[in-house]
Structures are given as structure tokens and as C-alpha cells.
Amino acid sequence: MIGEHVKTFGKYGTYEATPVLRASIMQENLKAALKLLKPFVGKHHHLPVLNNVLIRTQGARLELVVTNLETSYSVQIGSKVESDGAITVPFRTLNDITILSSPERIDLLVDIPTQKLNMRCGTLCWGRVRRRGNRD
């Protein structure tokens, strides 16, 4: 499945995209990791990037990283990684979606053209978690 093409339905029609990051993780593990990082993510109106979380793969682990410019905090979680990659997304959006998800496996997929994180948990699918600064 590495290098597998994924059919994406977007604002500009249907197109084929090669995933950059593809991983699966249990909802309760992601929820616990985000709970650990939450105190270190503040309301930085002057630097919105500080409200983001970096999601990247490290072997068979998913690493979540936040920073306050002085110190960075990271949590590594066991996951099934099919394709390596990294993306930053707004922490609050990721946290809210994770809390609303059912306690099942969450599939994460990032594709190159849209720079968008797609999340799927059971029958629910979110495809609007975008990198900060990108416009629809």
C-alpha cells in the first residue's frame, strides 16, 4: 500500500493522489497523547503556528510535537505506519475530532496536492483538517 493511489473527491473534482503519510492508530491512544500535550498549547494570537501540532512518523510510531518556542514537547504512540510523512495541523481541531470519534481505529492520510489530513474512524470521515495558512 505504500505508493498506492487514492481517489480524492474535492472542491475541484475527482483526482488521483499519492499519499504522503498513511497511518492507523487507536482512538484512545491518540486521545491520551493529545491530553498530555494540551497544557503546552496555548492561545498564541500573534503566532498562530504555535497552536499547531506536528504529526510525523518515526518507524512504526506516530510522533506528535508541540512547541512554545522555548521548549518542544513530544509524545510517541505505537501505530501501524504504511507510508512515512509529516504535517502540521491545528491542535484544537485535531483534539476535537479525536474526542468526537468512536473508540475505534483512526486512519490518518495526508496527500501531496491538497496538503490535507484526512481522518476516518468507523463510518465517520473528516477531510477538512488543513495546514494553517492554506485556503479552500
N, C-alpha and C. Protein backbone atom coordinates (compact mmCIF):
# COMPACT_ATOMS: atom_id res chain seq x y z
N MET A 1 0.76 -1.18 0.00
CA MET A 1 0.00 0.00 0.00
C MET A 1 0.82 1.27 0.00
N ILE A 2 2.13 1.16 0.19
CA ILE A 2 2.96 2.33 0.03
C ILE A 2 2.97 2.70 -1.45
N GLY A 3 2.73 3.95 -1.73
CA GLY A 3 2.67 4.41 -3.10
C GLY A 3 1.32 4.17 -3.76
N GLU A 4 0.36 3.63 -3.02
CA GLU A 4 -0.98 3.39 -3.54
C GLU A 4 -1.65 4.72 -3.84
N HIS A 5 -2.36 4.76 -4.96
CA HIS A 5 -3.07 5.98 -5.31
C HIS A 5 -4.44 5.97 -4.65
N VAL A 6 -4.87 7.12 -4.21
CA VAL A 6 -6.15 7.25 -3.53
C VAL A 6 -7.02 8.19 -4.33
N LYS A 7 -8.26 7.80 -4.59
CA LYS A 7 -9.18 8.67 -5.30
C LYS A 7 -9.73 9.68 -4.31
N THR A 8 -9.55 10.96 -4.58
CA THR A 8 -9.96 12.03 -3.68
C THR A 8 -11.06 12.85 -4.33
N PHE A 9 -12.10 13.14 -3.57
CA PHE A 9 -13.19 13.97 -4.04
C PHE A 9 -13.03 15.33 -3.37
N GLY A 10 -12.78 16.33 -4.13
CA GLY A 10 -12.54 17.64 -3.54
C GLY A 10 -13.35 18.73 -4.21
N LYS A 11 -13.06 19.93 -3.82
CA LYS A 11 -13.75 21.11 -4.31
C LYS A 11 -13.60 21.24 -5.83
N TYR A 12 -12.47 20.76 -6.36
CA TYR A 12 -12.18 20.93 -7.78
C TYR A 12 -12.35 19.63 -8.57
N GLY A 13 -13.13 18.70 -8.05
CA GLY A 13 -13.40 17.47 -8.77
C GLY A 13 -12.68 16.27 -8.17
N THR A 14 -12.63 15.20 -8.95
CA THR A 14 -12.01 13.96 -8.51
C THR A 14 -10.63 13.86 -9.13
N TYR A 15 -9.64 13.44 -8.35
CA TYR A 15 -8.29 13.27 -8.87
C TYR A 15 -7.58 12.18 -8.09
N GLU A 16 -6.53 11.66 -8.66
CA GLU A 16 -5.72 10.64 -8.01
C GLU A 16 -4.58 11.32 -7.28
N ALA A 17 -4.28 10.87 -6.07
CA ALA A 17 -3.21 11.47 -5.28
C ALA A 17 -2.40 10.37 -4.61
N THR A 18 -1.10 10.57 -4.51
CA THR A 18 -0.23 9.64 -3.80
C THR A 18 -0.12 10.10 -2.37
N PRO A 19 -0.44 9.25 -1.39
CA PRO A 19 -0.38 9.68 0.00
C PRO A 19 1.04 9.94 0.47
N VAL A 20 1.20 10.95 1.31
CA VAL A 20 2.49 11.25 1.91
C VAL A 20 2.60 10.53 3.24
N LEU A 21 1.56 10.57 4.03
CA LEU A 21 1.54 9.93 5.33
C LEU A 21 0.29 9.08 5.39
N ARG A 22 0.48 7.82 5.76
CA ARG A 22 -0.67 6.93 5.94
C ARG A 22 -0.39 6.09 7.17
N ALA A 23 -1.26 6.24 8.18
CA ALA A 23 -1.06 5.52 9.44
C ALA A 23 -2.42 5.23 10.08
N SER A 24 -2.43 4.22 10.95
CA SER A 24 -3.62 3.87 11.71
C SER A 24 -3.26 3.84 13.18
N ILE A 25 -4.16 4.35 14.00
CA ILE A 25 -3.92 4.43 15.44
C ILE A 25 -5.25 4.25 16.17
N MET A 26 -5.21 3.70 17.35
CA MET A 26 -6.43 3.55 18.13
C MET A 26 -6.84 4.91 18.71
N GLN A 27 -8.14 5.18 18.72
CA GLN A 27 -8.66 6.47 19.16
C GLN A 27 -8.25 6.78 20.59
N GLU A 28 -8.31 5.80 21.48
CA GLU A 28 -7.97 6.07 22.88
C GLU A 28 -6.50 6.41 23.06
N ASN A 29 -5.61 5.85 22.22
CA ASN A 29 -4.19 6.19 22.29
C ASN A 29 -3.92 7.62 21.82
N LEU A 30 -4.57 8.01 20.71
CA LEU A 30 -4.42 9.38 20.21
C LEU A 30 -5.01 10.38 21.19
N LYS A 31 -6.15 10.04 21.76
CA LYS A 31 -6.81 10.92 22.74
C LYS A 31 -5.91 11.13 23.97
N ALA A 32 -5.28 10.06 24.46
CA ALA A 32 -4.39 10.16 25.63
C ALA A 32 -3.16 11.01 25.32
N ALA A 33 -2.61 10.85 24.12
CA ALA A 33 -1.43 11.63 23.73
C ALA A 33 -1.76 13.11 23.62
N LEU A 34 -2.91 13.43 23.03
CA LEU A 34 -3.32 14.83 22.91
C LEU A 34 -3.61 15.44 24.27
N LYS A 35 -4.13 14.64 25.18
CA LYS A 35 -4.41 15.12 26.54
C LYS A 35 -3.11 15.50 27.25
N LEU A 36 -2.04 14.73 27.01
CA LEU A 36 -0.73 15.04 27.60
C LEU A 36 -0.15 16.35 27.05
N LEU A 37 -0.39 16.62 25.76
CA LEU A 37 0.19 17.80 25.12
C LEU A 37 -0.64 19.06 25.30
N LYS A 38 -1.91 18.91 25.63
CA LYS A 38 -2.83 20.05 25.70
C LYS A 38 -2.34 21.20 26.59
N PRO A 39 -1.76 20.96 27.77
CA PRO A 39 -1.31 22.09 28.60
C PRO A 39 -0.21 22.94 27.96
N PHE A 40 0.48 22.40 26.96
CA PHE A 40 1.59 23.12 26.35
C PHE A 40 1.19 23.89 25.11
N VAL A 41 -0.07 23.77 24.71
CA VAL A 41 -0.58 24.51 23.56
C VAL A 41 -1.46 25.62 24.11
N GLY A 42 -1.03 26.85 23.89
CA GLY A 42 -1.78 27.98 24.43
C GLY A 42 -2.52 28.74 23.35
N LYS A 43 -2.99 29.89 23.72
CA LYS A 43 -3.66 30.76 22.77
C LYS A 43 -2.67 31.83 22.34
N HIS A 44 -2.01 31.57 21.23
CA HIS A 44 -0.99 32.47 20.71
C HIS A 44 -1.56 33.19 19.49
N HIS A 45 -2.23 34.30 19.71
CA HIS A 45 -2.86 35.01 18.61
C HIS A 45 -1.82 35.68 17.72
N HIS A 46 -0.68 36.04 18.28
CA HIS A 46 0.35 36.71 17.50
C HIS A 46 1.17 35.72 16.67
N LEU A 47 1.24 34.45 17.06
CA LEU A 47 1.94 33.41 16.30
C LEU A 47 1.04 32.17 16.21
N PRO A 48 0.14 32.13 15.23
CA PRO A 48 -0.81 31.02 15.15
C PRO A 48 -0.15 29.66 14.99
N VAL A 49 1.06 29.60 14.43
CA VAL A 49 1.72 28.32 14.24
C VAL A 49 1.97 27.60 15.57
N LEU A 50 2.03 28.35 16.67
CA LEU A 50 2.23 27.74 17.98
C LEU A 50 0.99 27.00 18.46
N ASN A 51 -0.12 27.18 17.77
CA ASN A 51 -1.34 26.44 18.11
C ASN A 51 -1.45 25.14 17.32
N ASN A 52 -0.41 24.82 16.54
CA ASN A 52 -0.41 23.62 15.71
C ASN A 52 0.31 22.47 16.40
N VAL A 53 0.05 21.28 15.90
CA VAL A 53 0.76 20.07 16.34
C VAL A 53 1.39 19.45 15.09
N LEU A 54 2.63 19.04 15.22
CA LEU A 54 3.33 18.34 14.15
C LEU A 54 3.04 16.86 14.30
N ILE A 55 2.54 16.24 13.25
CA ILE A 55 2.31 14.80 13.23
C ILE A 55 3.31 14.22 12.26
N ARG A 56 4.16 13.32 12.73
CA ARG A 56 5.13 12.68 11.84
C ARG A 56 5.34 11.24 12.25
N THR A 57 5.82 10.46 11.30
CA THR A 57 6.07 9.05 11.57
C THR A 57 7.54 8.85 11.93
N GLN A 58 7.78 7.93 12.84
CA GLN A 58 9.13 7.55 13.25
C GLN A 58 9.14 6.03 13.33
N GLY A 59 9.48 5.38 12.24
CA GLY A 59 9.43 3.92 12.19
C GLY A 59 7.99 3.44 12.29
N ALA A 60 7.70 2.62 13.29
CA ALA A 60 6.33 2.12 13.49
C ALA A 60 5.59 2.95 14.53
N ARG A 61 6.04 4.17 14.74
CA ARG A 61 5.42 5.03 15.75
C ARG A 61 4.99 6.34 15.11
N LEU A 62 3.96 6.90 15.69
CA LEU A 62 3.48 8.22 15.30
C LEU A 62 3.94 9.18 16.39
N GLU A 63 4.57 10.29 15.99
CA GLU A 63 5.05 11.26 16.96
C GLU A 63 4.25 12.56 16.82
N LEU A 64 3.79 13.08 17.94
CA LEU A 64 3.08 14.36 18.00
C LEU A 64 3.99 15.35 18.72
N VAL A 65 4.21 16.52 18.12
CA VAL A 65 5.12 17.51 18.69
C VAL A 65 4.45 18.87 18.74
N VAL A 66 4.54 19.55 19.90
CA VAL A 66 4.10 20.94 20.04
C VAL A 66 5.27 21.74 20.62
N THR A 67 5.22 23.04 20.42
CA THR A 67 6.30 23.90 20.94
C THR A 67 5.74 25.22 21.43
N ASN A 68 6.51 25.87 22.32
CA ASN A 68 6.17 27.22 22.75
C ASN A 68 7.33 28.17 22.46
N LEU A 69 8.19 27.80 21.54
CA LEU A 69 9.40 28.49 21.09
C LEU A 69 10.58 28.34 22.05
N GLU A 70 10.34 28.04 23.30
CA GLU A 70 11.43 27.80 24.24
C GLU A 70 11.70 26.31 24.38
N THR A 71 10.64 25.54 24.41
CA THR A 71 10.73 24.10 24.61
C THR A 71 9.75 23.41 23.69
N SER A 72 10.15 22.24 23.21
CA SER A 72 9.19 21.44 22.44
C SER A 72 8.86 20.19 23.25
N TYR A 73 7.64 19.75 23.10
CA TYR A 73 7.14 18.58 23.82
C TYR A 73 6.67 17.57 22.80
N SER A 74 7.04 16.31 22.99
CA SER A 74 6.63 15.29 22.03
C SER A 74 6.14 14.04 22.74
N VAL A 75 5.25 13.34 22.06
CA VAL A 75 4.71 12.08 22.54
C VAL A 75 4.77 11.11 21.36
N GLN A 76 5.29 9.92 21.61
CA GLN A 76 5.30 8.89 20.58
C GLN A 76 4.28 7.82 20.92
N ILE A 77 3.55 7.38 19.90
CA ILE A 77 2.48 6.41 20.09
C ILE A 77 2.68 5.28 19.10
N GLY A 78 2.50 4.06 19.56
CA GLY A 78 2.56 2.91 18.66
C GLY A 78 1.42 2.98 17.66
N SER A 79 1.72 2.73 16.40
CA SER A 79 0.71 2.78 15.35
C SER A 79 1.14 1.89 14.19
N LYS A 80 0.25 1.70 13.26
CA LYS A 80 0.56 0.98 12.04
C LYS A 80 0.86 2.02 10.97
N VAL A 81 2.12 2.13 10.57
CA VAL A 81 2.53 3.13 9.58
C VAL A 81 2.73 2.43 8.25
N GLU A 82 2.00 2.88 7.24
CA GLU A 82 2.12 2.31 5.90
C GLU A 82 2.96 3.19 4.99
N SER A 83 2.97 4.49 5.26
CA SER A 83 3.72 5.42 4.43
C SER A 83 4.21 6.56 5.32
N ASP A 84 5.50 6.87 5.25
CA ASP A 84 6.09 7.91 6.09
C ASP A 84 5.72 9.30 5.60
N GLY A 85 5.69 10.25 6.54
CA GLY A 85 5.41 11.63 6.20
C GLY A 85 5.21 12.47 7.44
N ALA A 86 4.87 13.74 7.22
CA ALA A 86 4.65 14.68 8.33
C ALA A 86 3.74 15.79 7.86
N ILE A 87 3.01 16.37 8.81
CA ILE A 87 2.14 17.51 8.53
C ILE A 87 1.88 18.23 9.85
N THR A 88 1.61 19.53 9.78
CA THR A 88 1.16 20.27 10.95
C THR A 88 -0.30 20.63 10.76
N VAL A 89 -1.06 20.49 11.83
CA VAL A 89 -2.49 20.82 11.79
C VAL A 89 -2.85 21.54 13.08
N PRO A 90 -3.93 22.31 13.09
CA PRO A 90 -4.35 22.98 14.33
C PRO A 90 -4.65 21.96 15.43
N PHE A 91 -4.04 22.16 16.59
CA PHE A 91 -4.17 21.24 17.71
C PHE A 91 -5.63 21.09 18.13
N ARG A 92 -6.32 22.20 18.28
CA ARG A 92 -7.69 22.16 18.78
C ARG A 92 -8.61 21.38 17.86
N THR A 93 -8.46 21.55 16.55
CA THR A 93 -9.28 20.82 15.59
C THR A 93 -9.03 19.32 15.70
N LEU A 94 -7.75 18.93 15.74
CA LEU A 94 -7.41 17.52 15.87
C LEU A 94 -7.94 16.94 17.17
N ASN A 95 -7.80 17.68 18.25
CA ASN A 95 -8.27 17.23 19.55
C ASN A 95 -9.80 17.07 19.56
N ASP A 96 -10.52 18.03 19.01
CA ASP A 96 -11.99 17.97 18.98
C ASP A 96 -12.48 16.78 18.16
N ILE A 97 -11.86 16.55 17.00
CA ILE A 97 -12.26 15.42 16.16
C ILE A 97 -11.97 14.10 16.86
N THR A 98 -10.83 14.01 17.52
CA THR A 98 -10.47 12.78 18.23
C THR A 98 -11.45 12.49 19.36
N ILE A 99 -11.83 13.52 20.10
CA ILE A 99 -12.78 13.33 21.21
C ILE A 99 -14.14 12.89 20.68
N LEU A 100 -14.56 13.43 19.53
CA LEU A 100 -15.86 13.08 18.96
C LEU A 100 -15.88 11.70 18.29
N SER A 101 -14.71 11.15 18.00
CA SER A 101 -14.62 9.85 17.32
C SER A 101 -15.02 8.73 18.26
N SER A 102 -15.51 7.65 17.67
CA SER A 102 -15.84 6.47 18.47
C SER A 102 -14.54 5.75 18.84
N PRO A 103 -14.57 4.94 19.90
CA PRO A 103 -13.34 4.27 20.35
C PRO A 103 -12.97 3.11 19.42
N GLU A 104 -12.53 3.46 18.22
CA GLU A 104 -12.11 2.51 17.21
C GLU A 104 -10.77 2.94 16.64
N ARG A 105 -10.37 2.29 15.58
CA ARG A 105 -9.14 2.67 14.88
C ARG A 105 -9.39 3.95 14.08
N ILE A 106 -8.44 4.87 14.13
CA ILE A 106 -8.49 6.08 13.32
C ILE A 106 -7.43 5.95 12.24
N ASP A 107 -7.84 6.14 10.99
CA ASP A 107 -6.91 6.12 9.86
C ASP A 107 -6.56 7.56 9.50
N LEU A 108 -5.27 7.83 9.38
CA LEU A 108 -4.78 9.16 9.00
C LEU A 108 -4.17 9.07 7.61
N LEU A 109 -4.49 10.01 6.74
CA LEU A 109 -3.96 10.03 5.39
C LEU A 109 -3.71 11.48 4.98
N VAL A 110 -2.51 11.76 4.52
CA VAL A 110 -2.17 13.08 4.01
C VAL A 110 -1.79 12.92 2.55
N ASP A 111 -2.35 13.77 1.67
CA ASP A 111 -1.92 13.71 0.28
C ASP A 111 -1.21 14.99 -0.12
N ILE A 112 -0.33 14.88 -1.11
CA ILE A 112 0.54 15.98 -1.52
C ILE A 112 -0.21 17.16 -2.13
N PRO A 113 -1.07 16.96 -3.14
CA PRO A 113 -1.65 18.12 -3.82
C PRO A 113 -2.46 19.04 -2.92
N THR A 114 -3.24 18.48 -2.01
CA THR A 114 -4.09 19.32 -1.18
C THR A 114 -3.47 19.69 0.15
N GLN A 115 -2.40 19.01 0.55
CA GLN A 115 -1.78 19.20 1.87
C GLN A 115 -2.86 19.15 2.95
N LYS A 116 -3.70 18.11 2.84
CA LYS A 116 -4.85 17.97 3.72
C LYS A 116 -4.75 16.65 4.46
N LEU A 117 -5.08 16.68 5.76
CA LEU A 117 -5.13 15.47 6.57
C LEU A 117 -6.55 14.93 6.53
N ASN A 118 -6.71 13.72 6.04
CA ASN A 118 -8.00 13.04 6.05
C ASN A 118 -8.00 12.06 7.20
N MET A 119 -9.06 12.07 7.99
CA MET A 119 -9.19 11.17 9.13
C MET A 119 -10.46 10.36 8.96
N ARG A 120 -10.35 9.05 9.24
CA ARG A 120 -11.52 8.19 9.16
C ARG A 120 -11.57 7.32 10.40
N CYS A 121 -12.74 7.25 11.01
CA CYS A 121 -12.95 6.42 12.19
C CYS A 121 -14.31 5.75 12.05
N GLY A 122 -14.30 4.45 11.81
CA GLY A 122 -15.57 3.75 11.58
C GLY A 122 -16.23 4.27 10.32
N THR A 123 -17.46 4.72 10.43
CA THR A 123 -18.18 5.24 9.27
C THR A 123 -18.03 6.75 9.11
N LEU A 124 -17.38 7.40 10.07
CA LEU A 124 -17.20 8.85 10.00
C LEU A 124 -15.89 9.19 9.30
N CYS A 125 -15.92 10.25 8.51
CA CYS A 125 -14.73 10.67 7.78
C CYS A 125 -14.64 12.19 7.81
N TRP A 126 -13.46 12.70 8.15
CA TRP A 126 -13.20 14.14 8.14
C TRP A 126 -12.10 14.40 7.14
N GLY A 127 -12.32 15.37 6.27
CA GLY A 127 -11.31 15.67 5.26
C GLY A 127 -11.00 17.14 5.16
N ARG A 128 -11.29 17.89 6.19
CA ARG A 128 -11.08 19.33 6.13
C ARG A 128 -10.01 19.81 7.10
N VAL A 129 -9.26 18.90 7.69
CA VAL A 129 -8.19 19.31 8.60
C VAL A 129 -7.02 19.73 7.71
N ARG A 130 -6.83 21.03 7.58
CA ARG A 130 -5.82 21.55 6.65
C ARG A 130 -4.71 22.26 7.41
N ARG A 131 -3.57 22.32 6.75
CA ARG A 131 -2.47 23.06 7.32
C ARG A 131 -2.86 24.51 7.47
N ARG A 132 -2.42 25.14 8.55
CA ARG A 132 -2.73 26.55 8.79
C ARG A 132 -2.11 27.39 7.68
N GLY A 133 -2.88 28.35 7.18
CA GLY A 133 -2.38 29.23 6.14
C GLY A 133 -2.90 28.87 4.76
N ASN A 134 -3.41 27.64 4.58
CA ASN A 134 -3.99 27.24 3.31
C ASN A 134 -5.44 27.68 3.26
N ARG A 135 -5.87 28.05 2.10
CA ARG A 135 -7.25 28.49 1.92
C ARG A 135 -8.00 27.47 1.08
N ASP A 136 -9.32 27.35 1.30
CA ASP A 136 -10.15 26.46 0.49
C ASP A 136 -10.37 27.07 -0.87
